[in-house]
Amino acid sequence: MGLEDGSERGTSVEDIKLALNGHVKEGHKFNPVSPLSRDDPGYNPSPSADDKVHVLVWVCSANITHINASVLKKALDIREAARHMGIPQLAIVTEVDEACGQTDQDLKNVYKSKHIKKKMADFSSALGIPLNCILPVKNYSKETFLEDDVDSLILNALRLMIDMGDDFINNM
């Protein structure tokens, strides 16, 4: 469950803010019609540093034509809360091979593709995340063996997440 259109669908913004602060116990099942409260067994009243979010990662498909206004509002509310907490943020643009024939033919073209650059710039503009914190990846979907080009993009994104998380922890 993610940020879905409408208030009765997807995880509530308030539940995500609680999760950012570490107030959600592991294994808690989010319910869009019943947000987490202090009396809920899934509520963690005294979170440790390990319980708190160290990096906020947005995942968006390169195939979407636009971000729905209600989803964008939720995303911006969450981003603002994360910013106030000092949580670093980045975005992963998935399915770059399906969104662009140039990258489908050769994934090494991902940073040369005007279409992918435009998608990344659109996400940057909509979400307010700097372009250098938006990373393209290809999903493993049809492959039966590991591929270096796919792994390279995924590992680059993972490396940035780890580095940002380490920086956040070191600054706590």
N, C-alpha and C. Protein backbone atom coordinates (compact mmCIF):
# COMPACT_ATOMS: atom_id res chain seq x y z
N MET A 1 0.85 -1.17 0.00
CA MET A 1 0.00 0.00 0.00
C MET A 1 0.90 1.23 0.00
N GLY A 2 0.61 2.14 -0.87
CA GLY A 2 1.39 3.36 -0.94
C GLY A 2 0.51 4.58 -0.84
N LEU A 3 0.91 5.65 -1.50
CA LEU A 3 0.08 6.86 -1.54
C LEU A 3 -0.87 6.70 -2.70
N GLU A 4 -2.11 6.47 -2.38
CA GLU A 4 -3.12 6.23 -3.41
C GLU A 4 -4.03 7.45 -3.50
N ASP A 5 -4.75 7.53 -4.59
CA ASP A 5 -5.68 8.63 -4.81
C ASP A 5 -6.84 8.50 -3.84
N GLY A 6 -7.21 9.60 -3.22
CA GLY A 6 -8.36 9.63 -2.31
C GLY A 6 -7.95 9.38 -0.87
N SER A 7 -8.76 9.84 0.04
CA SER A 7 -8.43 9.72 1.47
C SER A 7 -8.75 8.34 2.03
N GLU A 8 -9.59 7.57 1.39
CA GLU A 8 -9.98 6.25 1.88
C GLU A 8 -9.11 5.13 1.33
N ARG A 9 -8.06 5.50 0.59
CA ARG A 9 -7.19 4.49 -0.02
C ARG A 9 -5.75 4.81 0.32
N GLY A 10 -4.95 3.77 0.43
CA GLY A 10 -3.53 3.96 0.68
C GLY A 10 -3.24 4.27 2.14
N THR A 11 -1.99 4.33 2.45
CA THR A 11 -1.55 4.64 3.80
C THR A 11 -1.79 6.12 4.07
N SER A 12 -2.28 6.43 5.27
CA SER A 12 -2.57 7.83 5.59
C SER A 12 -1.27 8.61 5.80
N VAL A 13 -1.31 9.88 5.50
CA VAL A 13 -0.16 10.76 5.68
C VAL A 13 0.27 10.76 7.14
N GLU A 14 -0.69 10.80 8.04
CA GLU A 14 -0.35 10.82 9.47
C GLU A 14 0.35 9.53 9.90
N ASP A 15 -0.07 8.38 9.36
CA ASP A 15 0.61 7.12 9.68
C ASP A 15 2.04 7.13 9.17
N ILE A 16 2.26 7.70 8.01
CA ILE A 16 3.61 7.76 7.46
C ILE A 16 4.47 8.69 8.31
N LYS A 17 3.91 9.80 8.76
CA LYS A 17 4.65 10.70 9.64
C LYS A 17 5.02 10.00 10.95
N LEU A 18 4.10 9.20 11.47
CA LEU A 18 4.41 8.42 12.68
C LEU A 18 5.53 7.43 12.41
N ALA A 19 5.50 6.81 11.23
CA ALA A 19 6.55 5.86 10.86
C ALA A 19 7.90 6.56 10.74
N LEU A 20 7.91 7.76 10.17
CA LEU A 20 9.15 8.52 10.05
C LEU A 20 9.79 8.74 11.42
N ASN A 21 8.96 8.97 12.42
CA ASN A 21 9.43 9.21 13.79
C ASN A 21 9.68 7.93 14.57
N GLY A 22 9.40 6.77 13.97
CA GLY A 22 9.65 5.50 14.64
C GLY A 22 8.53 5.02 15.54
N HIS A 23 7.35 5.62 15.42
CA HIS A 23 6.23 5.26 16.29
C HIS A 23 5.42 4.06 15.79
N VAL A 24 5.83 3.43 14.72
CA VAL A 24 5.10 2.28 14.18
C VAL A 24 5.93 1.03 14.44
N LYS A 25 5.35 0.07 15.15
CA LYS A 25 6.05 -1.18 15.44
C LYS A 25 6.17 -2.03 14.19
N GLU A 26 7.26 -2.79 14.15
CA GLU A 26 7.48 -3.69 13.02
C GLU A 26 6.31 -4.67 12.91
N GLY A 27 5.85 -4.89 11.70
CA GLY A 27 4.76 -5.83 11.46
C GLY A 27 3.38 -5.20 11.51
N HIS A 28 3.29 -3.92 11.86
CA HIS A 28 1.99 -3.25 11.92
C HIS A 28 1.35 -3.22 10.53
N LYS A 29 0.09 -3.53 10.45
CA LYS A 29 -0.66 -3.48 9.19
C LYS A 29 -1.40 -2.15 9.12
N PHE A 30 -1.03 -1.34 8.14
CA PHE A 30 -1.68 -0.05 7.98
C PHE A 30 -3.10 -0.23 7.47
N ASN A 31 -4.00 0.62 7.96
CA ASN A 31 -5.39 0.58 7.56
C ASN A 31 -5.80 2.00 7.16
N PRO A 32 -6.15 2.21 5.89
CA PRO A 32 -6.46 3.57 5.44
C PRO A 32 -7.68 4.19 6.11
N VAL A 33 -8.60 3.38 6.61
CA VAL A 33 -9.80 3.93 7.24
C VAL A 33 -9.66 4.05 8.75
N SER A 34 -8.58 3.50 9.31
CA SER A 34 -8.36 3.58 10.75
C SER A 34 -6.89 3.88 11.02
N PRO A 35 -6.52 5.16 11.03
CA PRO A 35 -5.12 5.53 11.27
C PRO A 35 -4.64 5.05 12.64
N LEU A 36 -3.35 4.89 12.76
CA LEU A 36 -2.72 4.44 13.99
C LEU A 36 -2.92 5.48 15.09
N SER A 37 -3.22 5.01 16.31
CA SER A 37 -3.37 5.91 17.45
C SER A 37 -2.48 5.41 18.59
N ARG A 38 -2.32 6.23 19.60
CA ARG A 38 -1.48 5.88 20.75
C ARG A 38 -1.97 4.63 21.47
N ASP A 39 -3.26 4.34 21.37
CA ASP A 39 -3.83 3.18 22.06
C ASP A 39 -3.70 1.90 21.26
N ASP A 40 -3.30 2.01 20.02
CA ASP A 40 -3.19 0.86 19.12
C ASP A 40 -1.99 0.00 19.53
N PRO A 41 -2.11 -1.34 19.46
CA PRO A 41 -0.96 -2.20 19.79
C PRO A 41 0.21 -2.04 18.82
N GLY A 42 -0.01 -1.48 17.65
CA GLY A 42 1.05 -1.25 16.68
C GLY A 42 1.80 0.06 16.91
N TYR A 43 1.41 0.82 17.92
CA TYR A 43 2.04 2.11 18.21
C TYR A 43 3.24 1.92 19.13
N ASN A 44 4.36 2.50 18.77
CA ASN A 44 5.58 2.45 19.58
C ASN A 44 5.71 3.78 20.31
N PRO A 45 5.44 3.81 21.62
CA PRO A 45 5.43 5.08 22.34
C PRO A 45 6.82 5.69 22.56
N SER A 46 7.85 4.86 22.59
CA SER A 46 9.19 5.39 22.84
C SER A 46 10.19 4.80 21.83
N PRO A 47 10.21 5.36 20.64
CA PRO A 47 11.09 4.82 19.60
C PRO A 47 12.56 5.12 19.86
N SER A 48 13.40 4.17 19.52
CA SER A 48 14.86 4.37 19.59
C SER A 48 15.32 4.97 18.27
N ALA A 49 16.58 5.32 18.19
CA ALA A 49 17.14 5.87 16.95
C ALA A 49 17.03 4.84 15.83
N ASP A 50 17.15 3.55 16.16
CA ASP A 50 17.04 2.49 15.16
C ASP A 50 15.63 2.37 14.59
N ASP A 51 14.62 2.79 15.35
CA ASP A 51 13.23 2.70 14.90
C ASP A 51 12.87 3.80 13.90
N LYS A 52 13.62 4.87 13.91
CA LYS A 52 13.30 6.02 13.08
C LYS A 52 13.80 5.82 11.65
N VAL A 53 13.16 6.50 10.72
CA VAL A 53 13.54 6.44 9.31
C VAL A 53 14.82 7.27 9.12
N HIS A 54 15.78 6.70 8.40
CA HIS A 54 17.05 7.38 8.14
C HIS A 54 17.13 7.96 6.74
N VAL A 55 16.34 7.42 5.81
CA VAL A 55 16.28 7.92 4.43
C VAL A 55 14.87 7.69 3.92
N LEU A 56 14.29 8.70 3.30
CA LEU A 56 12.98 8.58 2.68
C LEU A 56 13.18 8.41 1.18
N VAL A 57 12.71 7.29 0.63
CA VAL A 57 12.90 7.00 -0.78
C VAL A 57 11.54 6.97 -1.47
N TRP A 58 11.38 7.81 -2.49
CA TRP A 58 10.18 7.83 -3.31
C TRP A 58 10.42 6.92 -4.50
N VAL A 59 9.47 6.08 -4.82
CA VAL A 59 9.58 5.19 -5.97
C VAL A 59 8.45 5.52 -6.94
N CYS A 60 8.82 5.89 -8.16
CA CYS A 60 7.86 6.28 -9.18
C CYS A 60 8.19 5.56 -10.48
N SER A 61 7.18 5.13 -11.18
CA SER A 61 7.38 4.49 -12.47
C SER A 61 7.61 5.54 -13.55
N ALA A 62 8.55 5.27 -14.43
CA ALA A 62 8.78 6.17 -15.57
C ALA A 62 7.62 6.11 -16.56
N ASN A 63 6.73 5.15 -16.39
CA ASN A 63 5.59 4.99 -17.30
C ASN A 63 4.40 5.87 -16.96
N ILE A 64 4.37 6.47 -15.78
CA ILE A 64 3.20 7.28 -15.45
C ILE A 64 3.25 8.59 -16.23
N THR A 65 2.09 9.06 -16.63
CA THR A 65 2.03 10.29 -17.41
C THR A 65 1.99 11.53 -16.52
N HIS A 66 1.39 11.39 -15.34
CA HIS A 66 1.36 12.50 -14.39
C HIS A 66 1.08 11.94 -12.99
N ILE A 67 1.38 12.74 -11.99
CA ILE A 67 1.08 12.37 -10.61
C ILE A 67 -0.23 13.03 -10.24
N ASN A 68 -1.20 12.22 -9.81
CA ASN A 68 -2.50 12.73 -9.42
C ASN A 68 -2.34 13.81 -8.35
N ALA A 69 -3.16 14.85 -8.41
CA ALA A 69 -3.07 15.98 -7.50
C ALA A 69 -3.18 15.57 -6.03
N SER A 70 -4.09 14.64 -5.70
CA SER A 70 -4.24 14.25 -4.29
C SER A 70 -3.03 13.44 -3.81
N VAL A 71 -2.45 12.63 -4.69
CA VAL A 71 -1.25 11.86 -4.35
C VAL A 71 -0.07 12.82 -4.18
N LEU A 72 0.03 13.80 -5.07
CA LEU A 72 1.11 14.77 -4.98
C LEU A 72 1.01 15.58 -3.69
N LYS A 73 -0.20 15.95 -3.30
CA LYS A 73 -0.38 16.70 -2.04
C LYS A 73 0.10 15.87 -0.86
N LYS A 74 -0.27 14.58 -0.84
CA LYS A 74 0.19 13.69 0.24
C LYS A 74 1.71 13.61 0.25
N ALA A 75 2.30 13.44 -0.93
CA ALA A 75 3.76 13.33 -1.04
C ALA A 75 4.44 14.59 -0.52
N LEU A 76 3.91 15.74 -0.88
CA LEU A 76 4.52 17.00 -0.45
C LEU A 76 4.36 17.21 1.05
N ASP A 77 3.23 16.79 1.63
CA ASP A 77 3.04 16.86 3.09
C ASP A 77 4.07 15.99 3.81
N ILE A 78 4.28 14.80 3.28
CA ILE A 78 5.25 13.87 3.89
C ILE A 78 6.66 14.41 3.72
N ARG A 79 6.97 14.92 2.53
CA ARG A 79 8.30 15.49 2.29
C ARG A 79 8.59 16.64 3.24
N GLU A 80 7.59 17.48 3.46
CA GLU A 80 7.77 18.61 4.37
C GLU A 80 8.06 18.12 5.79
N ALA A 81 7.31 17.13 6.24
CA ALA A 81 7.55 16.57 7.58
C ALA A 81 8.95 15.97 7.67
N ALA A 82 9.35 15.22 6.64
CA ALA A 82 10.68 14.62 6.63
C ALA A 82 11.77 15.69 6.63
N ARG A 83 11.54 16.75 5.87
CA ARG A 83 12.51 17.85 5.82
C ARG A 83 12.70 18.47 7.21
N HIS A 84 11.58 18.66 7.93
CA HIS A 84 11.67 19.23 9.29
C HIS A 84 12.41 18.30 10.24
N MET A 85 12.37 17.00 9.98
CA MET A 85 13.08 16.03 10.80
C MET A 85 14.52 15.84 10.35
N GLY A 86 14.88 16.49 9.25
CA GLY A 86 16.23 16.37 8.74
C GLY A 86 16.51 15.07 7.99
N ILE A 87 15.45 14.36 7.61
CA ILE A 87 15.60 13.07 6.93
C ILE A 87 15.95 13.32 5.46
N PRO A 88 17.06 12.76 4.97
CA PRO A 88 17.40 12.92 3.56
C PRO A 88 16.40 12.18 2.67
N GLN A 89 16.25 12.68 1.45
CA GLN A 89 15.25 12.11 0.55
C GLN A 89 15.83 11.93 -0.85
N LEU A 90 15.39 10.88 -1.51
CA LEU A 90 15.74 10.67 -2.90
C LEU A 90 14.59 9.95 -3.58
N ALA A 91 14.66 9.89 -4.90
CA ALA A 91 13.60 9.23 -5.67
C ALA A 91 14.24 8.21 -6.61
N ILE A 92 13.54 7.11 -6.81
CA ILE A 92 13.94 6.07 -7.74
C ILE A 92 12.89 6.07 -8.85
N VAL A 93 13.35 6.21 -10.09
CA VAL A 93 12.46 6.14 -11.25
C VAL A 93 12.64 4.75 -11.84
N THR A 94 11.61 3.93 -11.76
CA THR A 94 11.68 2.54 -12.20
C THR A 94 11.17 2.37 -13.63
N GLU A 95 11.38 1.19 -14.16
CA GLU A 95 10.86 0.79 -15.47
C GLU A 95 11.34 1.69 -16.60
N VAL A 96 12.60 2.13 -16.51
CA VAL A 96 13.12 3.03 -17.54
C VAL A 96 13.23 2.34 -18.90
N ASP A 97 13.37 1.02 -18.88
CA ASP A 97 13.44 0.28 -20.15
C ASP A 97 12.10 0.27 -20.86
N GLU A 98 11.02 0.17 -20.11
CA GLU A 98 9.68 0.13 -20.70
C GLU A 98 9.22 1.52 -21.16
N ALA A 99 9.76 2.56 -20.55
CA ALA A 99 9.33 3.92 -20.87
C ALA A 99 10.05 4.50 -22.08
N CYS A 100 11.17 3.89 -22.47
CA CYS A 100 11.96 4.47 -23.53
C CYS A 100 12.62 3.37 -24.37
N GLY A 101 12.36 3.40 -25.67
CA GLY A 101 12.94 2.41 -26.57
C GLY A 101 14.46 2.45 -26.60
N GLN A 102 15.02 3.64 -26.45
CA GLN A 102 16.48 3.80 -26.46
C GLN A 102 17.11 3.04 -25.30
N THR A 103 16.51 3.12 -24.12
CA THR A 103 17.07 2.41 -22.97
C THR A 103 16.69 0.93 -23.00
N ASP A 104 15.59 0.60 -23.65
CA ASP A 104 15.20 -0.80 -23.78
C ASP A 104 16.23 -1.54 -24.66
N GLN A 105 16.70 -0.89 -25.71
CA GLN A 105 17.69 -1.50 -26.59
C GLN A 105 19.04 -1.64 -25.90
N ASP A 106 19.44 -0.61 -25.16
CA ASP A 106 20.73 -0.63 -24.47
C ASP A 106 20.61 0.22 -23.21
N LEU A 107 20.64 -0.43 -22.09
CA LEU A 107 20.45 0.26 -20.81
C LEU A 107 21.56 1.28 -20.53
N LYS A 108 22.69 1.14 -21.20
CA LYS A 108 23.77 2.12 -21.02
C LYS A 108 23.36 3.50 -21.53
N ASN A 109 22.28 3.58 -22.29
CA ASN A 109 21.78 4.86 -22.81
C ASN A 109 20.88 5.60 -21.82
N VAL A 110 20.72 5.07 -20.62
CA VAL A 110 19.74 5.64 -19.69
C VAL A 110 20.03 7.11 -19.38
N TYR A 111 21.29 7.49 -19.27
CA TYR A 111 21.62 8.88 -18.97
C TYR A 111 21.74 9.74 -20.23
N LYS A 112 21.60 9.11 -21.39
CA LYS A 112 21.61 9.85 -22.67
C LYS A 112 20.19 10.09 -23.18
N SER A 113 19.24 9.33 -22.67
CA SER A 113 17.86 9.39 -23.16
C SER A 113 17.19 10.71 -22.77
N LYS A 114 16.73 11.45 -23.76
CA LYS A 114 16.01 12.70 -23.50
C LYS A 114 14.69 12.43 -22.79
N HIS A 115 14.05 11.32 -23.14
CA HIS A 115 12.77 10.97 -22.51
C HIS A 115 12.96 10.70 -21.01
N ILE A 116 13.98 9.93 -20.66
CA ILE A 116 14.23 9.62 -19.25
C ILE A 116 14.67 10.88 -18.50
N LYS A 117 15.50 11.70 -19.13
CA LYS A 117 15.91 12.96 -18.50
C LYS A 117 14.69 13.83 -18.21
N LYS A 118 13.75 13.87 -19.16
CA LYS A 118 12.53 14.67 -18.95
C LYS A 118 11.70 14.10 -17.81
N LYS A 119 11.57 12.78 -17.75
CA LYS A 119 10.82 12.15 -16.65
C LYS A 119 11.46 12.50 -15.31
N MET A 120 12.78 12.38 -15.24
CA MET A 120 13.48 12.70 -14.00
C MET A 120 13.29 14.18 -13.64
N ALA A 121 13.35 15.06 -14.63
CA ALA A 121 13.15 16.49 -14.39
C ALA A 121 11.72 16.77 -13.94
N ASP A 122 10.75 16.06 -14.53
CA ASP A 122 9.35 16.21 -14.12
C ASP A 122 9.16 15.80 -12.66
N PHE A 123 9.74 14.67 -12.27
CA PHE A 123 9.64 14.22 -10.88
C PHE A 123 10.33 15.21 -9.95
N SER A 124 11.47 15.73 -10.38
CA SER A 124 12.19 16.71 -9.58
C SER A 124 11.33 17.94 -9.35
N SER A 125 10.71 18.41 -10.41
CA SER A 125 9.87 19.60 -10.32
C SER A 125 8.63 19.35 -9.46
N ALA A 126 7.98 18.21 -9.67
CA ALA A 126 6.75 17.91 -8.93
C ALA A 126 7.00 17.66 -7.45
N LEU A 127 8.03 16.87 -7.15
CA LEU A 127 8.28 16.48 -5.76
C LEU A 127 9.23 17.42 -5.03
N GLY A 128 9.97 18.23 -5.77
CA GLY A 128 10.91 19.14 -5.12
C GLY A 128 12.19 18.45 -4.70
N ILE A 129 12.49 17.32 -5.29
CA ILE A 129 13.72 16.59 -4.99
C ILE A 129 14.76 17.00 -6.04
N PRO A 130 15.98 17.36 -5.61
CA PRO A 130 16.99 17.75 -6.58
C PRO A 130 17.25 16.64 -7.61
N LEU A 131 17.55 17.04 -8.82
CA LEU A 131 17.75 16.10 -9.92
C LEU A 131 18.87 15.10 -9.61
N ASN A 132 19.90 15.52 -8.88
CA ASN A 132 20.99 14.59 -8.56
C ASN A 132 20.60 13.57 -7.49
N CYS A 133 19.40 13.69 -6.96
CA CYS A 133 18.88 12.71 -5.99
C CYS A 133 17.74 11.89 -6.60
N ILE A 134 17.65 11.88 -7.92
CA ILE A 134 16.66 11.07 -8.62
C ILE A 134 17.42 10.10 -9.51
N LEU A 135 17.21 8.82 -9.25
CA LEU A 135 18.00 7.79 -9.91
C LEU A 135 17.14 6.86 -10.74
N PRO A 136 17.55 6.60 -11.98
CA PRO A 136 16.81 5.66 -12.83
C PRO A 136 17.25 4.22 -12.55
N VAL A 137 16.30 3.31 -12.56
CA VAL A 137 16.62 1.88 -12.44
C VAL A 137 15.71 1.09 -13.38
N LYS A 138 16.19 -0.07 -13.73
CA LYS A 138 15.41 -1.01 -14.51
C LYS A 138 15.01 -2.14 -13.58
N ASN A 139 13.77 -2.52 -13.62
CA ASN A 139 13.30 -3.63 -12.81
C ASN A 139 13.68 -4.95 -13.47
N TYR A 140 14.03 -5.93 -12.67
CA TYR A 140 14.16 -7.28 -13.20
C TYR A 140 12.74 -7.79 -13.41
N SER A 141 12.36 -8.02 -14.66
CA SER A 141 10.99 -8.49 -14.91
C SER A 141 10.95 -9.65 -15.88
N LYS A 142 11.77 -9.63 -16.91
CA LYS A 142 11.76 -10.70 -17.91
C LYS A 142 13.04 -11.53 -17.87
N GLU A 143 14.04 -11.04 -17.19
CA GLU A 143 15.35 -11.67 -17.19
C GLU A 143 15.34 -12.96 -16.36
N THR A 144 16.13 -13.92 -16.81
CA THR A 144 16.30 -15.15 -16.04
C THR A 144 17.68 -15.22 -15.41
N PHE A 145 18.58 -14.33 -15.83
CA PHE A 145 19.93 -14.26 -15.28
C PHE A 145 20.23 -12.83 -14.88
N LEU A 146 21.17 -12.66 -13.96
CA LEU A 146 21.59 -11.32 -13.56
C LEU A 146 22.28 -10.63 -14.72
N GLU A 147 22.07 -9.31 -14.81
CA GLU A 147 22.70 -8.52 -15.87
C GLU A 147 23.46 -7.35 -15.23
N ASP A 148 24.69 -7.18 -15.63
CA ASP A 148 25.55 -6.15 -15.05
C ASP A 148 24.98 -4.75 -15.17
N ASP A 149 24.40 -4.41 -16.33
CA ASP A 149 23.86 -3.06 -16.53
C ASP A 149 22.69 -2.78 -15.60
N VAL A 150 21.84 -3.77 -15.40
CA VAL A 150 20.70 -3.62 -14.49
C VAL A 150 21.22 -3.49 -13.05
N ASP A 151 22.14 -4.38 -12.69
CA ASP A 151 22.71 -4.35 -11.34
C ASP A 151 23.41 -3.04 -11.05
N SER A 152 24.10 -2.49 -12.04
CA SER A 152 24.84 -1.25 -11.86
C SER A 152 23.91 -0.11 -11.44
N LEU A 153 22.77 0.02 -12.10
CA LEU A 153 21.82 1.08 -11.75
C LEU A 153 21.22 0.86 -10.36
N ILE A 154 20.87 -0.38 -10.07
CA ILE A 154 20.28 -0.71 -8.77
C ILE A 154 21.29 -0.48 -7.65
N LEU A 155 22.52 -0.94 -7.86
CA LEU A 155 23.56 -0.77 -6.83
C LEU A 155 23.94 0.69 -6.64
N ASN A 156 23.91 1.48 -7.70
CA ASN A 156 24.16 2.91 -7.58
C ASN A 156 23.10 3.56 -6.68
N ALA A 157 21.85 3.19 -6.88
CA ALA A 157 20.77 3.73 -6.04
C ALA A 157 20.93 3.27 -4.60
N LEU A 158 21.24 2.01 -4.42
CA LEU A 158 21.44 1.47 -3.07
C LEU A 158 22.61 2.16 -2.37
N ARG A 159 23.70 2.38 -3.10
CA ARG A 159 24.88 3.05 -2.53
C ARG A 159 24.51 4.44 -2.03
N LEU A 160 23.74 5.18 -2.83
CA LEU A 160 23.33 6.53 -2.42
C LEU A 160 22.43 6.46 -1.18
N MET A 161 21.52 5.50 -1.13
CA MET A 161 20.67 5.34 0.05
C MET A 161 21.51 5.08 1.30
N ILE A 162 22.47 4.18 1.18
CA ILE A 162 23.33 3.85 2.32
C ILE A 162 24.14 5.06 2.75
N ASP A 163 24.74 5.76 1.78
CA ASP A 163 25.54 6.94 2.11
C ASP A 163 24.70 8.02 2.79
N MET A 164 23.50 8.25 2.28
CA MET A 164 22.63 9.26 2.89
C MET A 164 22.22 8.84 4.31
N GLY A 165 21.91 7.55 4.48
CA GLY A 165 21.56 7.05 5.81
C GLY A 165 22.70 7.16 6.78
N ASP A 166 23.92 6.83 6.32
CA ASP A 166 25.10 6.96 7.18
C ASP A 166 25.31 8.42 7.59
N ASP A 167 25.19 9.33 6.63
CA ASP A 167 25.34 10.76 6.95
C ASP A 167 24.30 11.21 7.97
N PHE A 168 23.07 10.75 7.81
CA PHE A 168 21.99 11.12 8.72
C PHE A 168 22.31 10.62 10.14
N ILE A 169 22.73 9.36 10.24
CA ILE A 169 23.05 8.77 11.55
C ILE A 169 24.23 9.50 12.19
N ASN A 170 25.25 9.79 11.40
CA ASN A 170 26.43 10.48 11.94
C ASN A 170 26.11 11.88 12.42
N ASN A 171 25.07 12.50 11.88
CA ASN A 171 24.68 13.85 12.28
C ASN A 171 23.64 13.88 13.39
N MET A 172 23.19 12.72 13.85
CA MET A 172 22.16 12.67 14.91
C MET A 172 22.74 13.14 16.24
